[in-house]
PDB file of N, CA and C in Angstrom:
ATOM      1  N   MET A   1       1.067  -4.883  24.303  1.00  0.00           N
ATOM      2  CA  MET A   1       1.936  -5.732  23.525  1.00  0.00           C
ATOM      3  C   MET A   1       3.303  -5.064  23.416  1.00  0.00           C
ATOM      4  N   PRO A   2       4.340  -5.864  23.456  1.00  0.00           N
ATOM      5  CA  PRO A   2       5.675  -5.287  23.294  1.00  0.00           C
ATOM      6  C   PRO A   2       5.933  -4.872  21.851  1.00  0.00           C
ATOM      7  N   THR A   3       6.857  -3.935  21.680  1.00  0.00           N
ATOM      8  CA  THR A   3       7.238  -3.521  20.331  1.00  0.00           C
ATOM      9  C   THR A   3       8.121  -4.589  19.698  1.00  0.00           C
ATOM     10  N   TYR A   4       8.235  -4.548  18.382  1.00  0.00           N
ATOM     11  CA  TYR A   4       9.081  -5.506  17.682  1.00  0.00           C
ATOM     12  C   TYR A   4       9.618  -4.881  16.405  1.00  0.00           C
ATOM     13  N   TRP A   5      10.738  -5.418  15.922  1.00  0.00           N
ATOM     14  CA  TRP A   5      11.344  -5.009  14.659  1.00  0.00           C
ATOM     15  C   TRP A   5      11.379  -6.198  13.732  1.00  0.00           C
ATOM     16  N   LEU A   6      11.099  -5.976  12.458  1.00  0.00           N
ATOM     17  CA  LEU A   6      11.197  -7.030  11.454  1.00  0.00           C
ATOM     18  C   LEU A   6      12.186  -6.603  10.373  1.00  0.00           C
ATOM     19  N   THR A   7      12.840  -7.579   9.771  1.00  0.00           N
ATOM     20  CA  THR A   7      13.789  -7.310   8.698  1.00  0.00           C
ATOM     21  C   THR A   7      13.240  -7.883   7.403  1.00  0.00           C
ATOM     22  N   ASP A   8      12.996  -7.004   6.415  1.00  0.00           N
ATOM     23  CA  ASP A   8      12.526  -7.398   5.089  1.00  0.00           C
ATOM     24  C   ASP A   8      13.561  -6.932   4.063  1.00  0.00           C
ATOM     25  N   ALA A   9      13.619  -7.606   2.920  1.00  0.00           N
ATOM     26  CA  ALA A   9      14.553  -7.208   1.873  1.00  0.00           C
ATOM     27  C   ALA A   9      13.999  -7.582   0.502  1.00  0.00           C
ATOM     28  N   ARG A  10      14.454  -6.846  -0.509  1.00  0.00           N
ATOM     29  CA  ARG A  10      14.078  -7.123  -1.903  1.00  0.00           C
ATOM     30  C   ARG A  10      15.245  -6.703  -2.782  1.00  0.00           C
ATOM     31  N   LEU A  11      15.628  -7.578  -3.692  1.00  0.00           N
ATOM     32  CA  LEU A  11      16.696  -7.302  -4.647  1.00  0.00           C
ATOM     33  C   LEU A  11      16.126  -7.508  -6.045  1.00  0.00           C
ATOM     34  N   SER A  12      16.201  -6.471  -6.882  1.00  0.00           N
ATOM     35  CA  SER A  12      15.577  -6.531  -8.212  1.00  0.00           C
ATOM     36  C   SER A  12      16.583  -6.226  -9.312  1.00  0.00           C
ATOM     37  N   LEU A  13      16.389  -6.875 -10.433  1.00  0.00           N
ATOM     38  CA  LEU A  13      17.043  -6.522 -11.691  1.00  0.00           C
ATOM     39  C   LEU A  13      15.919  -6.031 -12.592  1.00  0.00           C
ATOM     40  N   ALA A  14      15.969  -4.746 -12.926  1.00  0.00           N
ATOM     41  CA  ALA A  14      14.851  -4.136 -13.645  1.00  0.00           C
ATOM     42  C   ALA A  14      15.242  -3.702 -15.040  1.00  0.00           C
ATOM     43  N   ASN A  15      14.238  -3.562 -15.889  1.00  0.00           N
ATOM     44  CA  ASN A  15      14.383  -3.045 -17.253  1.00  0.00           C
ATOM     45  C   ASN A  15      15.372  -3.856 -18.089  1.00  0.00           C
ATOM     46  N   ILE A  16      15.285  -5.168 -17.992  1.00  0.00           N
ATOM     47  CA  ILE A  16      16.115  -6.044 -18.817  1.00  0.00           C
ATOM     48  C   ILE A  16      15.456  -6.100 -20.194  1.00  0.00           C
ATOM     49  N   LYS A  17      16.125  -5.544 -21.187  1.00  0.00           N
ATOM     50  CA  LYS A  17      15.552  -5.474 -22.540  1.00  0.00           C
ATOM     51  C   LYS A  17      15.703  -6.831 -23.228  1.00  0.00           C
ATOM     52  N   LEU A  18      14.603  -7.306 -23.791  1.00  0.00           N
ATOM     53  CA  LEU A  18      14.617  -8.560 -24.535  1.00  0.00           C
ATOM     54  C   LEU A  18      14.544  -8.223 -26.019  1.00  0.00           C
ATOM     55  N   ALA A  19      15.612  -8.518 -26.737  1.00  0.00           N
ATOM     56  CA  ALA A  19      15.729  -8.125 -28.141  1.00  0.00           C
ATOM     57  C   ALA A  19      14.677  -8.792 -29.027  1.00  0.00           C
ATOM     58  N   SER A  20      14.332 -10.032 -28.734  1.00  0.00           N
ATOM     59  CA  SER A  20      13.414 -10.754 -29.608  1.00  0.00           C
ATOM     60  C   SER A  20      12.001 -10.170 -29.593  1.00  0.00           C
ATOM     61  N   SER A  21      11.541  -9.681 -28.437  1.00  0.00           N
ATOM     62  CA  SER A  21      10.161  -9.193 -28.352  1.00  0.00           C
ATOM     63  C   SER A  21      10.065  -7.684 -28.186  1.00  0.00           C
ATOM     64  N   GLY A  22      11.168  -7.045 -27.827  1.00  0.00           N
ATOM     65  CA  GLY A  22      11.135  -5.603 -27.612  1.00  0.00           C
ATOM     66  C   GLY A  22      10.596  -5.204 -26.248  1.00  0.00           C
ATOM     67  N   GLY A  23      10.213  -6.154 -25.416  1.00  0.00           N
ATOM     68  CA  GLY A  23       9.691  -5.853 -24.088  1.00  0.00           C
ATOM     69  C   GLY A  23      10.791  -5.771 -23.049  1.00  0.00           C
ATOM     70  N   GLU A  24      10.386  -5.525 -21.820  1.00  0.00           N
ATOM     71  CA  GLU A  24      11.325  -5.435 -20.706  1.00  0.00           C
ATOM     72  C   GLU A  24      10.916  -6.395 -19.601  1.00  0.00           C
ATOM     73  N   LEU A  25      11.897  -6.993 -18.974  1.00  0.00           N
ATOM     74  CA  LEU A  25      11.680  -7.970 -17.915  1.00  0.00           C
ATOM     75  C   LEU A  25      12.268  -7.434 -16.612  1.00  0.00           C
ATOM     76  N   THR A  26      11.567  -7.650 -15.518  1.00  0.00           N
ATOM     77  CA  THR A  26      12.060  -7.344 -14.177  1.00  0.00           C
ATOM     78  C   THR A  26      11.949  -8.615 -13.349  1.00  0.00           C
ATOM     79  N   ILE A  27      13.038  -9.006 -12.695  1.00  0.00           N
ATOM     80  CA  ILE A  27      13.010 -10.164 -11.808  1.00  0.00           C
ATOM     81  C   ILE A  27      13.479  -9.716 -10.422  1.00  0.00           C
ATOM     82  N   ALA A  28      12.941 -10.347  -9.383  1.00  0.00           N
ATOM     83  CA  ALA A  28      13.264  -9.939  -8.022  1.00  0.00           C
ATOM     84  C   ALA A  28      13.260 -11.143  -7.092  1.00  0.00           C
ATOM     85  N   ALA A  29      14.136 -11.090  -6.103  1.00  0.00           N
ATOM     86  CA  ALA A  29      14.136 -12.036  -4.980  1.00  0.00           C
ATOM     87  C   ALA A  29      13.762 -11.216  -3.743  1.00  0.00           C
ATOM     88  N   TRP A  30      12.873 -11.735  -2.911  1.00  0.00           N
ATOM     89  CA  TRP A  30      12.415 -10.988  -1.749  1.00  0.00           C
ATOM     90  C   TRP A  30      12.287 -11.897  -0.527  1.00  0.00           C
ATOM     91  N   GLY A  31      12.316 -11.292   0.636  1.00  0.00           N
ATOM     92  CA  GLY A  31      12.123 -12.023   1.885  1.00  0.00           C
ATOM     93  C   GLY A  31      11.501 -11.117   2.931  1.00  0.00           C
ATOM     94  N   LYS A  32      10.674 -11.696   3.770  1.00  0.00           N
ATOM     95  CA  LYS A  32      10.025 -10.966   4.869  1.00  0.00           C
ATOM     96  C   LYS A  32      10.302 -11.702   6.176  1.00  0.00           C
ATOM     97  N   ASN A  33      10.449 -10.946   7.250  1.00  0.00           N
ATOM     98  CA  ASN A  33      10.754 -11.489   8.574  1.00  0.00           C
ATOM     99  C   ASN A  33      11.980 -12.416   8.483  1.00  0.00           C
ATOM    100  N   LEU A  34      13.061 -11.893   7.923  1.00  0.00           N
ATOM    101  CA  LEU A  34      14.250 -12.699   7.655  1.00  0.00           C
ATOM    102  C   LEU A  34      14.892 -13.291   8.912  1.00  0.00           C
ATOM    103  N   MET A  35      14.704 -12.671  10.054  1.00  0.00           N
ATOM    104  CA  MET A  35      15.257 -13.197  11.314  1.00  0.00           C
ATOM    105  C   MET A  35      14.320 -14.228  11.953  1.00  0.00           C
ATOM    106  N   ASP A  36      13.188 -14.494  11.307  1.00  0.00           N
ATOM    107  CA  ASP A  36      12.192 -15.466  11.771  1.00  0.00           C
ATOM    108  C   ASP A  36      11.745 -15.195  13.201  1.00  0.00           C
ATOM    109  N   ARG A  37      11.415 -13.950  13.475  1.00  0.00           N
ATOM    110  CA  ARG A  37      10.953 -13.547  14.804  1.00  0.00           C
ATOM    111  C   ARG A  37       9.506 -13.971  15.030  1.00  0.00           C
ATOM    112  N   SER A  38       9.203 -14.382  16.223  1.00  0.00           N
ATOM    113  CA  SER A  38       7.831 -14.674  16.626  1.00  0.00           C
ATOM    114  C   SER A  38       7.298 -13.414  17.315  1.00  0.00           C
ATOM    115  N   TYR A  39       6.184 -12.879  16.838  1.00  0.00           N
ATOM    116  CA  TYR A  39       5.652 -11.639  17.390  1.00  0.00           C
ATOM    117  C   TYR A  39       4.134 -11.660  17.350  1.00  0.00           C
ATOM    118  N   GLU A  40       3.538 -10.961  18.305  1.00  0.00           N
ATOM    119  CA  GLU A  40       2.084 -10.873  18.380  1.00  0.00           C
ATOM    120  C   GLU A  40       1.585  -9.719  17.529  1.00  0.00           C
ATOM    121  N   ASN A  41       0.647 -10.000  16.627  1.00  0.00           N
ATOM    122  CA  ASN A  41      -0.025  -8.954  15.859  1.00  0.00           C
ATOM    123  C   ASN A  41      -1.156  -8.348  16.672  1.00  0.00           C
ATOM    124  N   THR A  42      -1.933  -9.195  17.301  1.00  0.00           N
ATOM    125  CA  THR A  42      -3.110  -8.784  18.055  1.00  0.00           C
ATOM    126  C   THR A  42      -3.245  -9.681  19.274  1.00  0.00           C
ATOM    127  N   GLY A  43      -3.708  -9.128  20.348  1.00  0.00           N
ATOM    128  CA  GLY A  43      -3.984  -9.917  21.537  1.00  0.00           C
ATOM    129  C   GLY A  43      -5.233  -9.393  22.212  1.00  0.00           C
ATOM    130  N   PHE A  44      -5.956 -10.271  22.872  1.00  0.00           N
ATOM    131  CA  PHE A  44      -7.140  -9.827  23.604  1.00  0.00           C
ATOM    132  C   PHE A  44      -7.436 -10.804  24.732  1.00  0.00           C
ATOM    133  N   GLU A  45      -8.214 -10.325  25.688  1.00  0.00           N
ATOM    134  CA  GLU A  45      -8.609 -11.128  26.843  1.00  0.00           C
ATOM    135  C   GLU A  45     -10.111 -11.325  26.778  1.00  0.00           C
ATOM    136  N   ALA A  46     -10.535 -12.575  26.857  1.00  0.00           N
ATOM    137  CA  ALA A  46     -11.963 -12.890  26.814  1.00  0.00           C
ATOM    138  C   ALA A  46     -12.405 -13.362  28.198  1.00  0.00           C
ATOM    139  N   PRO A  47     -13.583 -12.959  28.620  1.00  0.00           N
ATOM    140  CA  PRO A  47     -14.055 -13.423  29.922  1.00  0.00           C
ATOM    141  C   PRO A  47     -14.299 -14.927  29.901  1.00  0.00           C
ATOM    142  N   GLY A  48     -13.973 -15.567  30.998  1.00  0.00           N
ATOM    143  CA  GLY A  48     -14.184 -17.005  31.104  1.00  0.00           C
ATOM    144  C   GLY A  48     -15.064 -17.319  32.299  1.00  0.00           C
ATOM    145  N   ILE A  49     -15.439 -18.564  32.450  1.00  0.00           N
ATOM    146  CA  ILE A  49     -16.288 -18.958  33.574  1.00  0.00           C
ATOM    147  C   ILE A  49     -15.525 -18.872  34.889  1.00  0.00           C
ATOM    148  N   PHE A  50     -14.280 -19.397  34.898  1.00  0.00           N
ATOM    149  CA  PHE A  50     -13.490 -19.409  36.129  1.00  0.00           C
ATOM    150  C   PHE A  50     -12.391 -18.354  36.126  1.00  0.00           C
ATOM    151  N   ALA A  51     -11.831 -18.058  34.957  1.00  0.00           N
ATOM    152  CA  ALA A  51     -10.755 -17.067  34.850  1.00  0.00           C
ATOM    153  C   ALA A  51     -10.758 -16.524  33.424  1.00  0.00           C
ATOM    154  N   PRO A  52     -10.245 -15.313  33.233  1.00  0.00           N
ATOM    155  CA  PRO A  52     -10.185 -14.783  31.871  1.00  0.00           C
ATOM    156  C   PRO A  52      -9.210 -15.593  31.005  1.00  0.00           C
ATOM    157  N   ALA A  53      -9.511 -15.679  29.731  1.00  0.00           N
ATOM    158  CA  ALA A  53      -8.652 -16.396  28.782  1.00  0.00           C
ATOM    159  C   ALA A  53      -7.940 -15.383  27.905  1.00  0.00           C
ATOM    160  N   ASN A  54      -6.638 -15.537  27.747  1.00  0.00           N
ATOM    161  CA  ASN A  54      -5.850 -14.654  26.897  1.00  0.00           C
ATOM    162  C   ASN A  54      -5.630 -15.311  25.545  1.00  0.00           C
ATOM    163  N   PHE A  55      -5.841 -14.533  24.491  1.00  0.00           N
ATOM    164  CA  PHE A  55      -5.642 -15.023  23.139  1.00  0.00           C
ATOM    165  C   PHE A  55      -4.657 -14.106  22.424  1.00  0.00           C
ATOM    166  N   ALA A  56      -3.876 -14.669  21.510  1.00  0.00           N
ATOM    167  CA  ALA A  56      -2.938 -13.875  20.721  1.00  0.00           C
ATOM    168  C   ALA A  56      -2.939 -14.371  19.278  1.00  0.00           C
ATOM    169  N   VAL A  57      -2.813 -13.438  18.356  1.00  0.00           N
ATOM    170  CA  VAL A  57      -2.659 -13.763  16.939  1.00  0.00           C
ATOM    171  C   VAL A  57      -1.233 -13.377  16.559  1.00  0.00           C
ATOM    172  N   TYR A  58      -0.461 -14.359  16.102  1.00  0.00           N
ATOM    173  CA  TYR A  58       0.942 -14.121  15.784  1.00  0.00           C
ATOM    174  C   TYR A  58       1.125 -13.805  14.309  1.00  0.00           C
ATOM    175  N   GLY A  59       2.163 -13.015  14.011  1.00  0.00           N
ATOM    176  CA  GLY A  59       2.497 -12.647  12.638  1.00  0.00           C
ATOM    177  C   GLY A  59       3.094 -13.839  11.897  1.00  0.00           C
ATOM    178  N   PRO A  60       3.151 -13.766  10.568  1.00  0.00           N
ATOM    179  CA  PRO A  60       3.668 -14.875   9.769  1.00  0.00           C
ATOM    180  C   PRO A  60       5.155 -15.110  10.007  1.00  0.00           C
ATOM    181  N   PRO A  61       5.611 -16.347   9.828  1.00  0.00           N
ATOM    182  CA  PRO A  61       7.036 -16.646   9.973  1.00  0.00           C
ATOM    183  C   PRO A  61       7.813 -16.145   8.761  1.00  0.00           C
ATOM    184  N   ARG A  62       9.084 -16.484   8.684  1.00  0.00           N
ATOM    185  CA  ARG A  62       9.916 -16.090   7.547  1.00  0.00           C
ATOM    186  C   ARG A  62       9.287 -16.569   6.243  1.00  0.00           C
ATOM    187  N   THR A  63       9.193 -15.671   5.280  1.00  0.00           N
ATOM    188  CA  THR A  63       8.700 -16.024   3.949  1.00  0.00           C
ATOM    189  C   THR A  63       9.661 -15.443   2.931  1.00  0.00           C
ATOM    190  N   TYR A  64       9.778 -16.107   1.795  1.00  0.00           N
ATOM    191  CA  TYR A  64      10.669 -15.624   0.742  1.00  0.00           C
ATOM    192  C   TYR A  64      10.166 -16.135  -0.595  1.00  0.00           C
ATOM    193  N   GLY A  65      10.638 -15.514  -1.660  1.00  0.00           N
ATOM    194  CA  GLY A  65      10.188 -15.944  -2.971  1.00  0.00           C
ATOM    195  C   GLY A  65      10.859 -15.181  -4.092  1.00  0.00           C
ATOM    196  N   LEU A  66      10.437 -15.488  -5.296  1.00  0.00           N
ATOM    197  CA  LEU A  66      10.909 -14.845  -6.513  1.00  0.00           C
ATOM    198  C   LEU A  66       9.703 -14.284  -7.249  1.00  0.00           C
ATOM    199  N   SER A  67       9.905 -13.188  -7.949  1.00  0.00           N
ATOM    200  CA  SER A  67       8.824 -12.653  -8.764  1.00  0.00           C
ATOM    201  C   SER A  67       9.401 -12.193 -10.098  1.00  0.00           C
ATOM    202  N   ALA A  68       8.550 -12.211 -11.108  1.00  0.00           N
ATOM    203  CA  ALA A  68       8.937 -11.760 -12.437  1.00  0.00           C
ATOM    204  C   ALA A  68       7.801 -10.925 -13.013  1.00  0.00           C
ATOM    205  N   GLN A  69       8.178  -9.884 -13.738  1.00  0.00           N
ATOM    206  CA  GLN A  69       7.196  -8.998 -14.375  1.00  0.00           C
ATOM    207  C   GLN A  69       7.691  -8.723 -15.788  1.00  0.00           C
ATOM    208  N   TYR A  70       6.802  -8.845 -16.754  1.00  0.00           N
ATOM    209  CA  TYR A  70       7.147  -8.569 -18.147  1.00  0.00           C
ATOM    210  C   TYR A  70       6.280  -7.444 -18.660  1.00  0.00           C
ATOM    211  N   ASN A  71       6.892  -6.434 -19.249  1.00  0.00           N
ATOM    212  CA  ASN A  71       6.175  -5.293 -19.824  1.00  0.00           C
ATOM    213  C   ASN A  71       6.265  -5.350 -21.339  1.00  0.00           C
ATOM    214  N   PHE A  72       5.114  -5.438 -22.001  1.00  0.00           N
ATOM    215  CA  PHE A  72       5.058  -5.447 -23.468  1.00  0.00           C
ATOM    216  C   PHE A  72       5.186  -4.014 -23.988  1.00  0.00           C
ATOM    217  N   HIS A  73       5.788  -3.874 -25.166  1.00  0.00           N
ATOM    218  CA  HIS A  73       5.907  -2.551 -25.803  1.00  0.00           C
ATOM    219  C   HIS A  73       5.272  -2.586 -27.159  1.00  0.00           C
TER     220      HIS A  73
END
């Protein structure tokens, strides 16, 4: 299998103090495979009746999201 590079990123705002509850909030935006590259994770060849069959499992496409975490004190 050929080599490949993926671009991932995460931007977080951490330890945001909330005066009303005394806790801390962390929020983040993240993304994986930002260039939306198609790449093989695994490949194999299976024997066939007339010719071998090649199979490949590809990695996930571009994904992104938001996350939040709250810490009680």
